[in-house]
Amino acid sequence: MNTSPILLTSEQDHVGIVTLNLAHKRNALNEEAIAAIDHYFSHIPSHIRAIVLKAEGDHFCAGLDLKEHHDKERSGVEFMRVCQGWHRAFDKIQHGGIPVVACLQGAVVGGGLELASAAHVRVADSGTFFALPEGTRGIFTGGGATVRTARIISAPRMVEMMLTGRVVQAQEGLQLGLAHYVCDTAKGDTPAPELALSLAHKIASNAALSNYAIVTAISRIADMSATDGLYTEGLVMAMIQQGHDVQQRLGEFVQKKAHKVMPGQAS
């Protein structure tokens, strides 16, 4: 698999594992890193059914590589193109049809939060923290936070985070929806990397067509009017009904071979 110094990739059965490898700069994203992310998510192997996105070191991602940004002294047009590159890469994560589980630790800041927001499931270590410090840096978000992150936490909350630059700790991030799971190993929780991988394997066992619809349709339907959304939901369900394993999975339920959904149990 790819052994780029910036992005490491490997596989475990039908799960792809993508690892940011810029720990010496807290995995801050430069142009080369964005290009590597874009390339991987544009060429996902056909047998991959779910992906874990994680990072080496103590921090998931500290955002935009501000040193590169400072040194290049980009013009407005040049940085607009940089932003569009981030948008393309992160759109491929969110809308590429393969579920992505992000494993978070340490800083998930600025562009790092934009990257995490593109993932479908976010598993955080208890030491994870979130921030949007662009206001204190004299810049603005450019990697999609006004679309993705604001829809997770609401636009007013994003405004407050950007104006004050405050740090949101893991548990508050869980309440806001920035994380779906927080793992505290001191309390006996499964470590975040193990849980993220376990969830990815579970997701990979779902019907591929259902997974595709879940990660491509729901966010788009949320952009529609209620009437258009309901119509589109029906169309998507009709498409899923054509899946080759639908009857098999429904048959397992009818024959009482499938798991039952019970409180306090993983489905």
C-alpha atoms as a PDB file:
ATOM      1  CA  MET A   1       0.000   0.000   0.000  1.00  0.00           C
ATOM      2  CA  ASN A   2       0.936   3.676  -0.142  1.00  0.00           C
ATOM      3  CA  THR A   3       3.915   4.587   2.067  1.00  0.00           C
ATOM      4  CA  SER A   4       3.876   8.326   1.465  1.00  0.00           C
ATOM      5  CA  PRO A   5       5.463  10.216   4.364  1.00  0.00           C
ATOM      6  CA  ILE A   6       2.316  12.346   4.554  1.00  0.00           C
ATOM      7  CA  LEU A   7      -0.494   9.804   4.223  1.00  0.00           C
ATOM      8  CA  LEU A   8      -0.183   6.125   5.160  1.00  0.00           C
ATOM      9  CA  THR A   9      -2.740   3.600   3.951  1.00  0.00           C
ATOM     10  CA  SER A  10      -3.373  -0.005   4.825  1.00  0.00           C
ATOM     11  CA  GLU A  11      -6.244  -2.484   4.860  1.00  0.00           C
ATOM     12  CA  GLN A  12      -7.842  -4.924   7.267  1.00  0.00           C
ATOM     13  CA  ASP A  13     -10.246  -7.157   5.390  1.00  0.00           C
ATOM     14  CA  HIS A  14     -12.802  -4.781   3.824  1.00  0.00           C
ATOM     15  CA  VAL A  15     -11.760  -1.788   5.956  1.00  0.00           C
ATOM     16  CA  GLY A  16      -9.313   0.790   4.645  1.00  0.00           C
ATOM     17  CA  ILE A  17      -7.129   2.596   7.187  1.00  0.00           C
ATOM     18  CA  VAL A  18      -5.906   6.086   6.262  1.00  0.00           C
ATOM     19  CA  THR A  19      -3.407   7.756   8.580  1.00  0.00           C
ATOM     20  CA  LEU A  20      -2.162  11.336   8.573  1.00  0.00           C
ATOM     21  CA  ASN A  21       1.577  11.153   9.159  1.00  0.00           C
ATOM     22  CA  LEU A  22       2.677  14.688   9.997  1.00  0.00           C
ATOM     23  CA  ALA A  23       2.944  14.318  13.762  1.00  0.00           C
ATOM     24  CA  HIS A  24       5.941  16.666  13.909  1.00  0.00           C
ATOM     25  CA  LYS A  25       3.601  19.524  12.939  1.00  0.00           C
ATOM     26  CA  ARG A  26       0.510  18.228  14.779  1.00  0.00           C
ATOM     27  CA  ASN A  27      -0.753  16.920  11.430  1.00  0.00           C
ATOM     28  CA  ALA A  28      -1.368  20.437  10.107  1.00  0.00           C
ATOM     29  CA  LEU A  29      -2.544  20.185   6.509  1.00  0.00           C
ATOM     30  CA  ASN A  30      -0.451  21.597   3.677  1.00  0.00           C
ATOM     31  CA  GLU A  31      -1.186  21.469  -0.037  1.00  0.00           C
ATOM     32  CA  GLU A  32       0.585  18.118  -0.432  1.00  0.00           C
ATOM     33  CA  ALA A  33      -1.467  16.532   2.347  1.00  0.00           C
ATOM     34  CA  ILE A  34      -4.741  17.729   0.809  1.00  0.00           C
ATOM     35  CA  ALA A  35      -3.645  16.349  -2.573  1.00  0.00           C
ATOM     36  CA  ALA A  36      -2.846  12.989  -0.955  1.00  0.00           C
ATOM     37  CA  ILE A  37      -6.268  12.864   0.746  1.00  0.00           C
ATOM     38  CA  ASP A  38      -7.957  13.797  -2.539  1.00  0.00           C
ATOM     39  CA  HIS A  39      -6.044  11.075  -4.395  1.00  0.00           C
ATOM     40  CA  TYR A  40      -6.891   8.303  -1.929  1.00  0.00           C
ATOM     41  CA  PHE A  41     -10.589   9.135  -1.756  1.00  0.00           C
ATOM     42  CA  SER A  42     -10.693   9.386  -5.552  1.00  0.00           C
ATOM     43  CA  HIS A  43      -9.216   5.891  -5.951  1.00  0.00           C
ATOM     44  CA  ILE A  44     -10.695   3.805  -3.128  1.00  0.00           C
ATOM     45  CA  PRO A  45     -10.158   0.096  -3.913  1.00  0.00           C
ATOM     46  CA  SER A  46     -13.397  -1.574  -4.977  1.00  0.00           C
ATOM     47  CA  HIS A  47     -13.329  -4.120  -2.140  1.00  0.00           C
ATOM     48  CA  ILE A  48     -13.189  -1.460   0.609  1.00  0.00           C
ATOM     49  CA  ARG A  49     -16.540  -1.131   2.396  1.00  0.00           C
ATOM     50  CA  ALA A  50     -15.614   1.290   5.210  1.00  0.00           C
ATOM     51  CA  ILE A  51     -12.660   3.504   6.107  1.00  0.00           C
ATOM     52  CA  VAL A  52     -10.984   4.547   9.351  1.00  0.00           C
ATOM     53  CA  LEU A  53      -9.396   8.004   9.183  1.00  0.00           C
ATOM     54  CA  LYS A  54      -6.837   8.596  11.917  1.00  0.00           C
ATOM     55  CA  ALA A  55      -3.544  10.332  12.648  1.00  0.00           C
ATOM     56  CA  GLU A  56      -0.125   9.585  14.069  1.00  0.00           C
ATOM     57  CA  GLY A  57       1.053  11.345  17.212  1.00  0.00           C
ATOM     58  CA  ASP A  58      -0.774  13.164  19.961  1.00  0.00           C
ATOM     59  CA  HIS A  59      -3.056  15.240  17.738  1.00  0.00           C
ATOM     60  CA  PHE A  60      -5.555  14.424  15.011  1.00  0.00           C
ATOM     61  CA  CYS A  61      -5.067  17.663  13.081  1.00  0.00           C
ATOM     62  CA  ALA A  62      -4.189  21.211  14.101  1.00  0.00           C
ATOM     63  CA  GLY A  63      -5.666  22.661  10.908  1.00  0.00           C
ATOM     64  CA  LEU A  64      -4.140  24.619   8.076  1.00  0.00           C
ATOM     65  CA  ASP A  65      -0.350  24.634   7.881  1.00  0.00           C
ATOM     66  CA  LEU A  66       0.005  28.291   8.827  1.00  0.00           C
ATOM     67  CA  LYS A  67       3.755  28.315   8.153  1.00  0.00           C
ATOM     68  CA  GLU A  68       3.203  27.268   4.546  1.00  0.00           C
ATOM     69  CA  HIS A  69       0.376  29.798   4.306  1.00  0.00           C
ATOM     70  CA  HIS A  70       2.604  32.576   5.671  1.00  0.00           C
ATOM     71  CA  ASP A  71       5.624  31.673   3.539  1.00  0.00           C
ATOM     72  CA  LYS A  72       3.686  31.464   0.267  1.00  0.00           C
ATOM     73  CA  GLU A  73       2.013  34.878   0.740  1.00  0.00           C
ATOM     74  CA  ARG A  74      -0.869  33.705  -1.429  1.00  0.00           C
ATOM     75  CA  SER A  75      -3.062  36.186  -3.243  1.00  0.00           C
ATOM     76  CA  GLY A  76      -6.807  36.110  -2.727  1.00  0.00           C
ATOM     77  CA  VAL A  77      -7.320  34.174  -5.955  1.00  0.00           C
ATOM     78  CA  GLU A  78      -4.557  31.718  -5.084  1.00  0.00           C
ATOM     79  CA  PHE A  79      -6.059  30.984  -1.700  1.00  0.00           C
ATOM     80  CA  MET A  80      -9.526  30.672  -3.201  1.00  0.00           C
ATOM     81  CA  ARG A  81      -8.094  27.828  -5.291  1.00  0.00           C
ATOM     82  CA  VAL A  82      -6.575  26.287  -2.159  1.00  0.00           C
ATOM     83  CA  CYS A  83      -9.990  26.403  -0.483  1.00  0.00           C
ATOM     84  CA  GLN A  84     -11.597  24.763  -3.499  1.00  0.00           C
ATOM     85  CA  GLY A  85      -9.008  21.998  -3.292  1.00  0.00           C
ATOM     86  CA  TRP A  86      -9.978  21.355   0.338  1.00  0.00           C
ATOM     87  CA  HIS A  87     -13.657  21.378  -0.642  1.00  0.00           C
ATOM     88  CA  ARG A  88     -13.090  18.808  -3.396  1.00  0.00           C
ATOM     89  CA  ALA A  89     -11.083  16.501  -1.135  1.00  0.00           C
ATOM     90  CA  PHE A  90     -13.508  16.681   1.785  1.00  0.00           C
ATOM     91  CA  ASP A  91     -16.550  16.320  -0.498  1.00  0.00           C
ATOM     92  CA  LYS A  92     -15.077  13.003  -1.637  1.00  0.00           C
ATOM     93  CA  ILE A  93     -14.915  11.894   1.997  1.00  0.00           C
ATOM     94  CA  GLN A  94     -18.481  12.923   2.807  1.00  0.00           C
ATOM     95  CA  HIS A  95     -20.193  12.065  -0.474  1.00  0.00           C
ATOM     96  CA  GLY A  96     -17.973   9.326  -1.904  1.00  0.00           C
ATOM     97  CA  GLY A  97     -20.345   6.535  -0.938  1.00  0.00           C
ATOM     98  CA  ILE A  98     -18.013   4.755   1.521  1.00  0.00           C
ATOM     99  CA  PRO A  99     -18.654   5.267   5.263  1.00  0.00           C
ATOM    100  CA  VAL A 100     -15.741   6.970   7.034  1.00  0.00           C
ATOM    101  CA  VAL A 101     -15.067   6.633  10.767  1.00  0.00           C
ATOM    102  CA  ALA A 102     -12.724   9.313  12.133  1.00  0.00           C
ATOM    103  CA  CYS A 103     -10.610   8.490  15.176  1.00  0.00           C
ATOM    104  CA  LEU A 104      -9.835  11.710  17.036  1.00  0.00           C
ATOM    105  CA  GLN A 105      -7.262  12.634  19.654  1.00  0.00           C
ATOM    106  CA  GLY A 106      -5.699  15.831  20.936  1.00  0.00           C
ATOM    107  CA  ALA A 107      -6.228  18.861  18.722  1.00  0.00           C
ATOM    108  CA  VAL A 108      -9.117  18.822  16.271  1.00  0.00           C
ATOM    109  CA  VAL A 109      -8.716  22.463  15.404  1.00  0.00           C
ATOM    110  CA  GLY A 110      -9.611  24.717  12.478  1.00  0.00           C
ATOM    111  CA  GLY A 111      -9.085  22.734   9.306  1.00  0.00           C
ATOM    112  CA  GLY A 112      -8.770  19.606  11.434  1.00  0.00           C
ATOM    113  CA  LEU A 113     -12.352  20.097  12.583  1.00  0.00           C
ATOM    114  CA  GLU A 114     -13.361  20.661   8.969  1.00  0.00           C
ATOM    115  CA  LEU A 115     -11.730  17.348   8.059  1.00  0.00           C
ATOM    116  CA  ALA A 116     -13.397  15.542  10.966  1.00  0.00           C
ATOM    117  CA  SER A 117     -16.765  17.075  10.065  1.00  0.00           C
ATOM    118  CA  ALA A 118     -16.593  15.397   6.655  1.00  0.00           C
ATOM    119  CA  ALA A 119     -16.486  11.951   8.304  1.00  0.00           C
ATOM    120  CA  HIS A 120     -19.719  10.100   9.021  1.00  0.00           C
ATOM    121  CA  VAL A 121     -18.847   8.742  12.468  1.00  0.00           C
ATOM    122  CA  ARG A 122     -16.458  10.437  14.907  1.00  0.00           C
ATOM    123  CA  VAL A 123     -14.841   8.547  17.789  1.00  0.00           C
ATOM    124  CA  ALA A 124     -12.857  10.733  20.198  1.00  0.00           C
ATOM    125  CA  ASP A 125     -10.336  10.005  22.896  1.00  0.00           C
ATOM    126  CA  SER A 126     -11.231  11.685  26.198  1.00  0.00           C
ATOM    127  CA  GLY A 127      -8.302  14.077  25.701  1.00  0.00           C
ATOM    128  CA  THR A 128      -9.650  15.392  22.399  1.00  0.00           C
ATOM    129  CA  PHE A 129     -10.405  19.107  22.112  1.00  0.00           C
ATOM    130  CA  PHE A 130     -12.072  21.161  19.394  1.00  0.00           C
ATOM    131  CA  ALA A 131     -11.599  24.794  18.385  1.00  0.00           C
ATOM    132  CA  LEU A 132     -12.067  27.250  15.533  1.00  0.00           C
ATOM    133  CA  PRO A 133      -9.367  29.864  16.222  1.00  0.00           C
ATOM    134  CA  GLU A 134      -9.535  31.580  12.838  1.00  0.00           C
ATOM    135  CA  GLY A 135     -10.844  34.817  14.362  1.00  0.00           C
ATOM    136  CA  THR A 136      -7.777  35.105  16.576  1.00  0.00           C
ATOM    137  CA  ARG A 137      -5.512  34.419  13.564  1.00  0.00           C
ATOM    138  CA  GLY A 138      -7.063  37.117  11.420  1.00  0.00           C
ATOM    139  CA  ILE A 139      -8.386  34.616   8.883  1.00  0.00           C
ATOM    140  CA  PHE A 140     -11.627  32.744   8.133  1.00  0.00           C
ATOM    141  CA  THR A 141     -12.581  29.117   7.651  1.00  0.00           C
ATOM    142  CA  GLY A 142     -11.904  27.840   4.147  1.00  0.00           C
ATOM    143  CA  GLY A 143     -12.236  24.061   4.272  1.00  0.00           C
ATOM    144  CA  GLY A 144     -15.998  23.764   4.577  1.00  0.00           C
ATOM    145  CA  ALA A 145     -16.767  24.531   8.238  1.00  0.00           C
ATOM    146  CA  THR A 146     -19.497  27.030   7.387  1.00  0.00           C
ATOM    147  CA  VAL A 147     -21.328  24.179   5.639  1.00  0.00           C
ATOM    148  CA  ARG A 148     -20.375  21.008   7.511  1.00  0.00           C
ATOM    149  CA  THR A 149     -19.456  22.067  11.058  1.00  0.00           C
ATOM    150  CA  ALA A 150     -22.170  24.719  11.296  1.00  0.00           C
ATOM    151  CA  ARG A 151     -24.778  22.129  10.383  1.00  0.00           C
ATOM    152  CA  ILE A 152     -23.524  19.869  13.141  1.00  0.00           C
ATOM    153  CA  ILE A 153     -23.448  22.419  15.955  1.00  0.00           C
ATOM    154  CA  SER A 154     -25.608  25.243  14.453  1.00  0.00           C
ATOM    155  CA  ALA A 155     -24.436  28.492  12.886  1.00  0.00           C
ATOM    156  CA  PRO A 156     -24.744  30.578  16.107  1.00  0.00           C
ATOM    157  CA  ARG A 157     -22.545  28.136  18.035  1.00  0.00           C
ATOM    158  CA  MET A 158     -19.954  28.243  15.271  1.00  0.00           C
ATOM    159  CA  VAL A 159     -19.997  32.049  15.328  1.00  0.00           C
ATOM    160  CA  GLU A 160     -19.384  32.001  19.087  1.00  0.00           C
ATOM    161  CA  MET A 161     -16.505  29.514  18.779  1.00  0.00           C
ATOM    162  CA  MET A 162     -14.847  31.598  16.062  1.00  0.00           C
ATOM    163  CA  LEU A 163     -15.314  34.942  17.839  1.00  0.00           C
ATOM    164  CA  THR A 164     -14.022  33.764  21.196  1.00  0.00           C
ATOM    165  CA  GLY A 165     -11.545  31.113  20.050  1.00  0.00           C
ATOM    166  CA  ARG A 166     -12.540  29.005  23.042  1.00  0.00           C
ATOM    167  CA  VAL A 167     -11.606  25.356  23.341  1.00  0.00           C
ATOM    168  CA  VAL A 168     -14.373  22.745  23.493  1.00  0.00           C
ATOM    169  CA  GLN A 169     -13.398  19.669  25.495  1.00  0.00           C
ATOM    170  CA  ALA A 170     -14.359  16.143  24.499  1.00  0.00           C
ATOM    171  CA  GLN A 171     -17.506  15.780  26.603  1.00  0.00           C
ATOM    172  CA  GLU A 172     -18.961  19.090  25.448  1.00  0.00           C
ATOM    173  CA  GLY A 173     -18.029  18.093  21.907  1.00  0.00           C
ATOM    174  CA  LEU A 174     -20.048  14.918  22.419  1.00  0.00           C
ATOM    175  CA  GLN A 175     -23.051  16.968  23.522  1.00  0.00           C
ATOM    176  CA  LEU A 176     -22.708  19.276  20.515  1.00  0.00           C
ATOM    177  CA  GLY A 177     -22.371  16.401  18.049  1.00  0.00           C
ATOM    178  CA  LEU A 178     -18.726  17.025  17.163  1.00  0.00           C
ATOM    179  CA  ALA A 179     -18.089  13.490  18.420  1.00  0.00           C
ATOM    180  CA  HIS A 180     -20.467  10.535  18.486  1.00  0.00           C
ATOM    181  CA  TYR A 181     -18.423   8.543  21.001  1.00  0.00           C
ATOM    182  CA  VAL A 182     -15.908   9.584  23.667  1.00  0.00           C
ATOM    183  CA  CYS A 183     -13.591   6.878  24.998  1.00  0.00           C
ATOM    184  CA  ASP A 184     -12.135   7.313  28.464  1.00  0.00           C
ATOM    185  CA  THR A 185      -9.730   4.446  29.093  1.00  0.00           C
ATOM    186  CA  ALA A 186      -9.313   5.589  32.711  1.00  0.00           C
ATOM    187  CA  LYS A 187     -12.943   4.562  33.196  1.00  0.00           C
ATOM    188  CA  GLY A 188     -12.463   1.250  31.423  1.00  0.00           C
ATOM    189  CA  ASP A 189     -13.661   2.302  27.980  1.00  0.00           C
ATOM    190  CA  THR A 190     -12.301   0.675  24.865  1.00  0.00           C
ATOM    191  CA  PRO A 191      -9.503   2.844  23.430  1.00  0.00           C
ATOM    192  CA  ALA A 192     -10.704   5.128  20.637  1.00  0.00           C
ATOM    193  CA  PRO A 193      -8.599   3.467  17.872  1.00  0.00           C
ATOM    194  CA  GLU A 194      -9.987   0.037  18.763  1.00  0.00           C
ATOM    195  CA  LEU A 195     -13.574   1.286  18.885  1.00  0.00           C
ATOM    196  CA  ALA A 196     -13.189   3.156  15.584  1.00  0.00           C
ATOM    197  CA  LEU A 197     -11.864   0.029  13.874  1.00  0.00           C
ATOM    198  CA  SER A 198     -14.566  -2.151  15.432  1.00  0.00           C
ATOM    199  CA  LEU A 199     -17.286   0.227  14.237  1.00  0.00           C
ATOM    200  CA  ALA A 200     -15.770   0.301  10.757  1.00  0.00           C
ATOM    201  CA  HIS A 201     -15.859  -3.504  10.569  1.00  0.00           C
ATOM    202  CA  LYS A 202     -19.459  -3.510  11.746  1.00  0.00           C
ATOM    203  CA  ILE A 203     -20.406  -0.879   9.162  1.00  0.00           C
ATOM    204  CA  ALA A 204     -18.565  -2.828   6.454  1.00  0.00           C
ATOM    205  CA  SER A 205     -20.818  -5.823   7.183  1.00  0.00           C
ATOM    206  CA  ASN A 206     -23.922  -3.819   6.238  1.00  0.00           C
ATOM    207  CA  ALA A 207     -25.401  -4.069   2.761  1.00  0.00           C
ATOM    208  CA  ALA A 208     -23.143  -1.976   0.535  1.00  0.00           C
ATOM    209  CA  LEU A 209     -26.066  -0.323  -1.249  1.00  0.00           C
ATOM    210  CA  SER A 210     -27.663   0.704   2.049  1.00  0.00           C
ATOM    211  CA  ASN A 211     -24.379   2.203   3.239  1.00  0.00           C
ATOM    212  CA  TYR A 212     -24.044   4.081  -0.040  1.00  0.00           C
ATOM    213  CA  ALA A 213     -27.523   5.558   0.285  1.00  0.00           C
ATOM    214  CA  ILE A 214     -27.045   6.498   3.937  1.00  0.00           C
ATOM    215  CA  VAL A 215     -23.841   8.464   3.348  1.00  0.00           C
ATOM    216  CA  THR A 216     -24.856  10.081   0.060  1.00  0.00           C
ATOM    217  CA  ALA A 217     -28.593  10.743   0.348  1.00  0.00           C
ATOM    218  CA  ILE A 218     -29.331  11.939   3.874  1.00  0.00           C
ATOM    219  CA  SER A 219     -27.169  15.073   3.833  1.00  0.00           C
ATOM    220  CA  ARG A 220     -28.532  16.014   0.419  1.00  0.00           C
ATOM    221  CA  ILE A 221     -32.135  15.449   1.470  1.00  0.00           C
ATOM    222  CA  ALA A 222     -31.471  17.779   4.408  1.00  0.00           C
ATOM    223  CA  ASP A 223     -30.865  20.541   1.846  1.00  0.00           C
ATOM    224  CA  MET A 224     -34.260  20.010   0.199  1.00  0.00           C
ATOM    225  CA  SER A 225     -37.737  21.224   0.928  1.00  0.00           C
ATOM    226  CA  ALA A 226     -39.866  18.790   2.911  1.00  0.00           C
ATOM    227  CA  THR A 227     -41.857  17.815  -0.182  1.00  0.00           C
ATOM    228  CA  ASP A 228     -38.763  17.197  -2.313  1.00  0.00           C
ATOM    229  CA  GLY A 229     -37.057  15.392   0.537  1.00  0.00           C
ATOM    230  CA  LEU A 230     -39.931  12.965   1.049  1.00  0.00           C
ATOM    231  CA  TYR A 231     -40.098  12.242  -2.672  1.00  0.00           C
ATOM    232  CA  THR A 232     -36.353  11.666  -2.836  1.00  0.00           C
ATOM    233  CA  GLU A 233     -36.478   9.401   0.212  1.00  0.00           C
ATOM    234  CA  GLY A 234     -39.027   7.233  -1.581  1.00  0.00           C
ATOM    235  CA  LEU A 235     -36.853   7.065  -4.680  1.00  0.00           C
ATOM    236  CA  VAL A 236     -33.811   6.066  -2.649  1.00  0.00           C
ATOM    237  CA  MET A 237     -35.782   3.361  -0.841  1.00  0.00           C
ATOM    238  CA  ALA A 238     -37.021   2.070  -4.194  1.00  0.00           C
ATOM    239  CA  MET A 239     -33.418   1.886  -5.415  1.00  0.00           C
ATOM    240  CA  ILE A 240     -32.276   0.071  -2.271  1.00  0.00           C
ATOM    241  CA  GLN A 241     -35.091  -2.427  -2.688  1.00  0.00           C
ATOM    242  CA  GLN A 242     -33.348  -3.623  -5.849  1.00  0.00           C
ATOM    243  CA  GLY A 243     -30.250  -4.667  -3.883  1.00  0.00           C
ATOM    244  CA  HIS A 244     -29.348  -8.325  -4.447  1.00  0.00           C
ATOM    245  CA  ASP A 245     -29.158  -9.156  -0.726  1.00  0.00           C
ATOM    246  CA  VAL A 246     -32.372  -7.432   0.404  1.00  0.00           C
ATOM    247  CA  GLN A 247     -34.493 -10.567   0.303  1.00  0.00           C
ATOM    248  CA  GLN A 248     -31.811 -12.583   2.060  1.00  0.00           C
ATOM    249  CA  ARG A 249     -31.522 -10.115   4.934  1.00  0.00           C
ATOM    250  CA  LEU A 250     -35.289  -9.723   5.243  1.00  0.00           C
ATOM    251  CA  GLY A 251     -35.625 -13.501   5.154  1.00  0.00           C
ATOM    252  CA  GLU A 252     -33.208 -13.829   8.060  1.00  0.00           C
ATOM    253  CA  PHE A 253     -35.425 -11.452  10.032  1.00  0.00           C
ATOM    254  CA  VAL A 254     -38.626 -13.305   9.141  1.00  0.00           C
ATOM    255  CA  GLN A 255     -37.008 -16.609  10.094  1.00  0.00           C
ATOM    256  CA  LYS A 256     -35.834 -15.067  13.379  1.00  0.00           C
ATOM    257  CA  LYS A 257     -32.176 -15.558  12.470  1.00  0.00           C
ATOM    258  CA  ALA A 258     -31.348 -11.863  12.541  1.00  0.00           C
ATOM    259  CA  HIS A 259     -30.394  -9.956  15.680  1.00  0.00           C
ATOM    260  CA  LYS A 260     -33.102  -8.148  17.616  1.00  0.00           C
ATOM    261  CA  VAL A 261     -32.766  -4.465  18.444  1.00  0.00           C
ATOM    262  CA  MET A 262     -32.674  -4.301  22.223  1.00  0.00           C
ATOM    263  CA  PRO A 263     -31.896  -1.424  24.632  1.00  0.00           C
ATOM    264  CA  GLY A 264     -28.388  -1.491  26.026  1.00  0.00           C
ATOM    265  CA  GLN A 265     -27.088  -3.737  23.257  1.00  0.00           C
ATOM    266  CA  ALA A 266     -25.110  -3.002  20.151  1.00  0.00           C
ATOM    267  CA  SER A 267     -27.251  -3.611  17.099  1.00  0.00           C
END
